[in-house]
Amino acid sequence: MTTTLERLIQRTADAADDDLAPGARADARRTLTAALEAHVRDDHEAEAALLAPLARRISDSWPHTSALGRDVLGYVQAVRR
């Protein structure tokens, strides 16, 4: 079974349609991978702590039309609940 985080990680490799700089995608991939590792350990505080700065970077610097950015932000909001 593929988790939402795993799908988001895969999309960082496939996000050619998002007009993102390669560095932004690589940063997101690293952060999402670390968050997945925390999630697997059931360390939800660490997962949220890793995702919060990524959410700020997405909000501040990614194109507002980015489907990947929108989906990552949606996941981060779900984790916060």
N, C-alpha and C. Protein backbone atom coordinates (compact mmCIF):
# COMPACT_ATOMS: atom_id res chain seq x y z
N MET A 1 0.83 -1.18 0.00
CA MET A 1 0.00 0.00 0.00
C MET A 1 0.88 1.25 0.00
N THR A 2 0.59 2.16 -0.88
CA THR A 2 1.36 3.39 -0.99
C THR A 2 0.71 4.48 -0.13
N THR A 3 1.52 5.13 0.67
CA THR A 3 1.00 6.20 1.52
C THR A 3 0.95 7.52 0.76
N THR A 4 0.24 8.47 1.33
CA THR A 4 0.18 9.80 0.73
C THR A 4 1.57 10.40 0.64
N LEU A 5 2.37 10.25 1.67
CA LEU A 5 3.73 10.79 1.63
C LEU A 5 4.54 10.15 0.51
N GLU A 6 4.41 8.86 0.33
CA GLU A 6 5.15 8.19 -0.75
C GLU A 6 4.71 8.72 -2.11
N ARG A 7 3.43 8.97 -2.27
CA ARG A 7 2.94 9.54 -3.54
C ARG A 7 3.48 10.95 -3.75
N LEU A 8 3.52 11.74 -2.70
CA LEU A 8 4.06 13.10 -2.82
C LEU A 8 5.55 13.06 -3.15
N ILE A 9 6.28 12.14 -2.53
CA ILE A 9 7.70 11.99 -2.84
C ILE A 9 7.89 11.64 -4.31
N GLN A 10 7.11 10.71 -4.81
CA GLN A 10 7.20 10.34 -6.23
C GLN A 10 6.89 11.53 -7.12
N ARG A 11 5.92 12.31 -6.73
CA ARG A 11 5.55 13.47 -7.55
C ARG A 11 6.65 14.52 -7.60
N THR A 12 7.52 14.57 -6.59
CA THR A 12 8.64 15.53 -6.66
C THR A 12 9.57 15.17 -7.81
N ALA A 13 9.62 13.90 -8.16
CA ALA A 13 10.43 13.47 -9.31
C ALA A 13 9.70 13.72 -10.62
N ASP A 14 8.38 13.74 -10.58
CA ASP A 14 7.57 13.84 -11.79
C ASP A 14 6.98 15.23 -12.01
N ALA A 15 7.37 16.22 -11.24
CA ALA A 15 6.67 17.50 -11.20
C ALA A 15 7.07 18.47 -12.30
N ALA A 16 7.30 17.98 -13.48
CA ALA A 16 7.71 18.85 -14.59
C ALA A 16 6.65 19.90 -14.90
N ASP A 17 5.40 19.62 -14.61
CA ASP A 17 4.32 20.56 -14.93
C ASP A 17 4.21 21.70 -13.93
N ASP A 18 4.97 21.69 -12.85
CA ASP A 18 4.83 22.69 -11.81
C ASP A 18 5.75 23.89 -11.97
N ASP A 19 6.60 23.92 -12.98
CA ASP A 19 7.48 25.06 -13.23
C ASP A 19 8.31 25.41 -11.99
N LEU A 20 8.78 24.39 -11.30
CA LEU A 20 9.61 24.58 -10.12
C LEU A 20 11.07 24.44 -10.48
N ALA A 21 11.88 25.17 -9.75
CA ALA A 21 13.32 25.00 -9.90
C ALA A 21 13.70 23.61 -9.42
N PRO A 22 14.66 22.96 -10.08
CA PRO A 22 15.06 21.61 -9.63
C PRO A 22 15.47 21.59 -8.15
N GLY A 23 16.09 22.64 -7.67
CA GLY A 23 16.48 22.69 -6.26
C GLY A 23 15.28 22.66 -5.32
N ALA A 24 14.20 23.29 -5.73
CA ALA A 24 12.99 23.30 -4.89
C ALA A 24 12.39 21.90 -4.81
N ARG A 25 12.37 21.21 -5.94
CA ARG A 25 11.86 19.83 -5.94
C ARG A 25 12.75 18.92 -5.10
N ALA A 26 14.07 19.08 -5.24
CA ALA A 26 15.00 18.24 -4.48
C ALA A 26 14.85 18.49 -2.98
N ASP A 27 14.71 19.76 -2.60
CA ASP A 27 14.51 20.11 -1.19
C ASP A 27 13.22 19.48 -0.66
N ALA A 28 12.16 19.58 -1.45
CA ALA A 28 10.88 19.00 -1.03
C ALA A 28 11.00 17.49 -0.90
N ARG A 29 11.70 16.87 -1.83
CA ARG A 29 11.86 15.41 -1.79
C ARG A 29 12.61 14.98 -0.53
N ARG A 30 13.70 15.68 -0.20
CA ARG A 30 14.47 15.34 1.01
C ARG A 30 13.60 15.51 2.27
N THR A 31 12.88 16.61 2.32
CA THR A 31 12.05 16.87 3.50
C THR A 31 10.92 15.86 3.62
N LEU A 32 10.26 15.57 2.51
CA LEU A 32 9.16 14.59 2.53
C LEU A 32 9.68 13.20 2.90
N THR A 33 10.87 12.85 2.43
CA THR A 33 11.46 11.55 2.76
C THR A 33 11.75 11.46 4.26
N ALA A 34 12.31 12.53 4.82
CA ALA A 34 12.56 12.55 6.27
C ALA A 34 11.25 12.48 7.05
N ALA A 35 10.22 13.16 6.56
CA ALA A 35 8.91 13.11 7.22
C ALA A 35 8.31 11.71 7.14
N LEU A 36 8.51 11.03 6.01
CA LEU A 36 8.03 9.65 5.88
C LEU A 36 8.72 8.75 6.89
N GLU A 37 10.02 8.92 7.06
CA GLU A 37 10.75 8.11 8.04
C GLU A 37 10.20 8.35 9.45
N ALA A 38 9.91 9.60 9.78
CA ALA A 38 9.32 9.91 11.09
C ALA A 38 7.93 9.29 11.21
N HIS A 39 7.16 9.36 10.14
CA HIS A 39 5.80 8.79 10.12
C HIS A 39 5.85 7.28 10.36
N VAL A 40 6.78 6.61 9.72
CA VAL A 40 6.92 5.15 9.87
C VAL A 40 7.27 4.79 11.31
N ARG A 41 8.04 5.66 11.97
CA ARG A 41 8.40 5.44 13.38
C ARG A 41 7.27 5.85 14.33
N ASP A 42 6.15 6.33 13.77
CA ASP A 42 5.03 6.86 14.56
C ASP A 42 5.44 8.07 15.40
N ASP A 43 6.41 8.82 14.91
CA ASP A 43 6.86 10.05 15.57
C ASP A 43 6.18 11.23 14.87
N HIS A 44 4.92 11.44 15.21
CA HIS A 44 4.13 12.44 14.51
C HIS A 44 4.57 13.87 14.83
N GLU A 45 5.15 14.08 16.01
CA GLU A 45 5.69 15.41 16.33
C GLU A 45 6.86 15.73 15.42
N ALA A 46 7.76 14.78 15.20
CA ALA A 46 8.90 15.00 14.31
C ALA A 46 8.42 15.20 12.88
N GLU A 47 7.43 14.43 12.47
CA GLU A 47 6.88 14.57 11.12
C GLU A 47 6.35 15.99 10.92
N ALA A 48 5.57 16.47 11.86
CA ALA A 48 5.00 17.82 11.76
C ALA A 48 6.10 18.88 11.79
N ALA A 49 7.11 18.66 12.64
CA ALA A 49 8.21 19.62 12.75
C ALA A 49 9.01 19.69 11.45
N LEU A 50 9.16 18.58 10.77
CA LEU A 50 9.87 18.57 9.48
C LEU A 50 9.04 19.25 8.39
N LEU A 51 7.74 19.04 8.42
CA LEU A 51 6.88 19.55 7.36
C LEU A 51 6.58 21.04 7.48
N ALA A 52 6.59 21.58 8.68
CA ALA A 52 6.22 23.00 8.86
C ALA A 52 7.12 23.95 8.06
N PRO A 53 8.45 23.81 8.12
CA PRO A 53 9.29 24.71 7.33
C PRO A 53 9.09 24.53 5.82
N LEU A 54 8.84 23.30 5.39
CA LEU A 54 8.56 23.06 3.97
C LEU A 54 7.29 23.79 3.56
N ALA A 55 6.27 23.74 4.40
CA ALA A 55 5.02 24.44 4.09
C ALA A 55 5.26 25.94 3.96
N ARG A 56 6.10 26.50 4.83
CA ARG A 56 6.41 27.93 4.74
C ARG A 56 7.14 28.24 3.44
N ARG A 57 8.11 27.38 3.07
CA ARG A 57 8.84 27.62 1.81
C ARG A 57 7.90 27.54 0.61
N ILE A 58 7.00 26.58 0.63
CA ILE A 58 6.04 26.45 -0.47
C ILE A 58 5.17 27.70 -0.54
N SER A 59 4.65 28.12 0.58
CA SER A 59 3.77 29.30 0.61
C SER A 59 4.50 30.56 0.16
N ASP A 60 5.77 30.67 0.55
CA ASP A 60 6.52 31.89 0.27
C ASP A 60 7.12 31.95 -1.13
N SER A 61 7.50 30.80 -1.69
CA SER A 61 8.30 30.89 -2.92
C SER A 61 7.85 30.03 -4.09
N TRP A 62 6.94 29.11 -3.89
CA TRP A 62 6.50 28.28 -5.01
C TRP A 62 5.39 29.00 -5.77
N PRO A 63 5.26 28.71 -7.06
CA PRO A 63 4.15 29.30 -7.82
C PRO A 63 2.81 28.89 -7.21
N HIS A 64 1.89 29.83 -7.16
CA HIS A 64 0.58 29.53 -6.57
C HIS A 64 -0.21 28.54 -7.40
N THR A 65 0.22 28.32 -8.63
CA THR A 65 -0.46 27.37 -9.51
C THR A 65 0.07 25.95 -9.36
N SER A 66 1.04 25.75 -8.48
CA SER A 66 1.67 24.45 -8.31
C SER A 66 0.71 23.44 -7.68
N ALA A 67 0.35 22.43 -8.45
CA ALA A 67 -0.52 21.37 -7.93
C ALA A 67 0.19 20.59 -6.83
N LEU A 68 1.47 20.32 -7.02
CA LEU A 68 2.25 19.61 -6.00
C LEU A 68 2.29 20.43 -4.71
N GLY A 69 2.56 21.71 -4.82
CA GLY A 69 2.59 22.58 -3.64
C GLY A 69 1.26 22.57 -2.91
N ARG A 70 0.18 22.67 -3.65
CA ARG A 70 -1.17 22.65 -3.06
C ARG A 70 -1.41 21.34 -2.31
N ASP A 71 -0.99 20.23 -2.92
CA ASP A 71 -1.22 18.92 -2.30
C ASP A 71 -0.34 18.72 -1.07
N VAL A 72 0.91 19.20 -1.12
CA VAL A 72 1.77 19.11 0.06
C VAL A 72 1.18 19.95 1.19
N LEU A 73 0.73 21.16 0.88
CA LEU A 73 0.13 22.01 1.92
C LEU A 73 -1.12 21.35 2.51
N GLY A 74 -1.90 20.70 1.68
CA GLY A 74 -3.08 19.98 2.18
C GLY A 74 -2.68 18.86 3.13
N TYR A 75 -1.62 18.14 2.79
CA TYR A 75 -1.15 17.06 3.66
C TYR A 75 -0.66 17.64 5.00
N VAL A 76 0.10 18.74 4.92
CA VAL A 76 0.62 19.35 6.15
C VAL A 76 -0.53 19.78 7.05
N GLN A 77 -1.57 20.36 6.48
CA GLN A 77 -2.73 20.75 7.29
C GLN A 77 -3.38 19.54 7.94
N ALA A 78 -3.46 18.44 7.23
CA ALA A 78 -4.05 17.22 7.80
C ALA A 78 -3.20 16.69 8.96
N VAL A 79 -1.88 16.78 8.83
CA VAL A 79 -0.99 16.31 9.89
C VAL A 79 -1.16 17.17 11.14
N ARG A 80 -1.39 18.45 10.96
CA ARG A 80 -1.54 19.37 12.10
C ARG A 80 -2.80 19.09 12.91
N ARG A 81 -3.79 18.47 12.30
CA ARG A 81 -5.06 18.22 13.00
C ARG A 81 -4.97 17.09 13.95
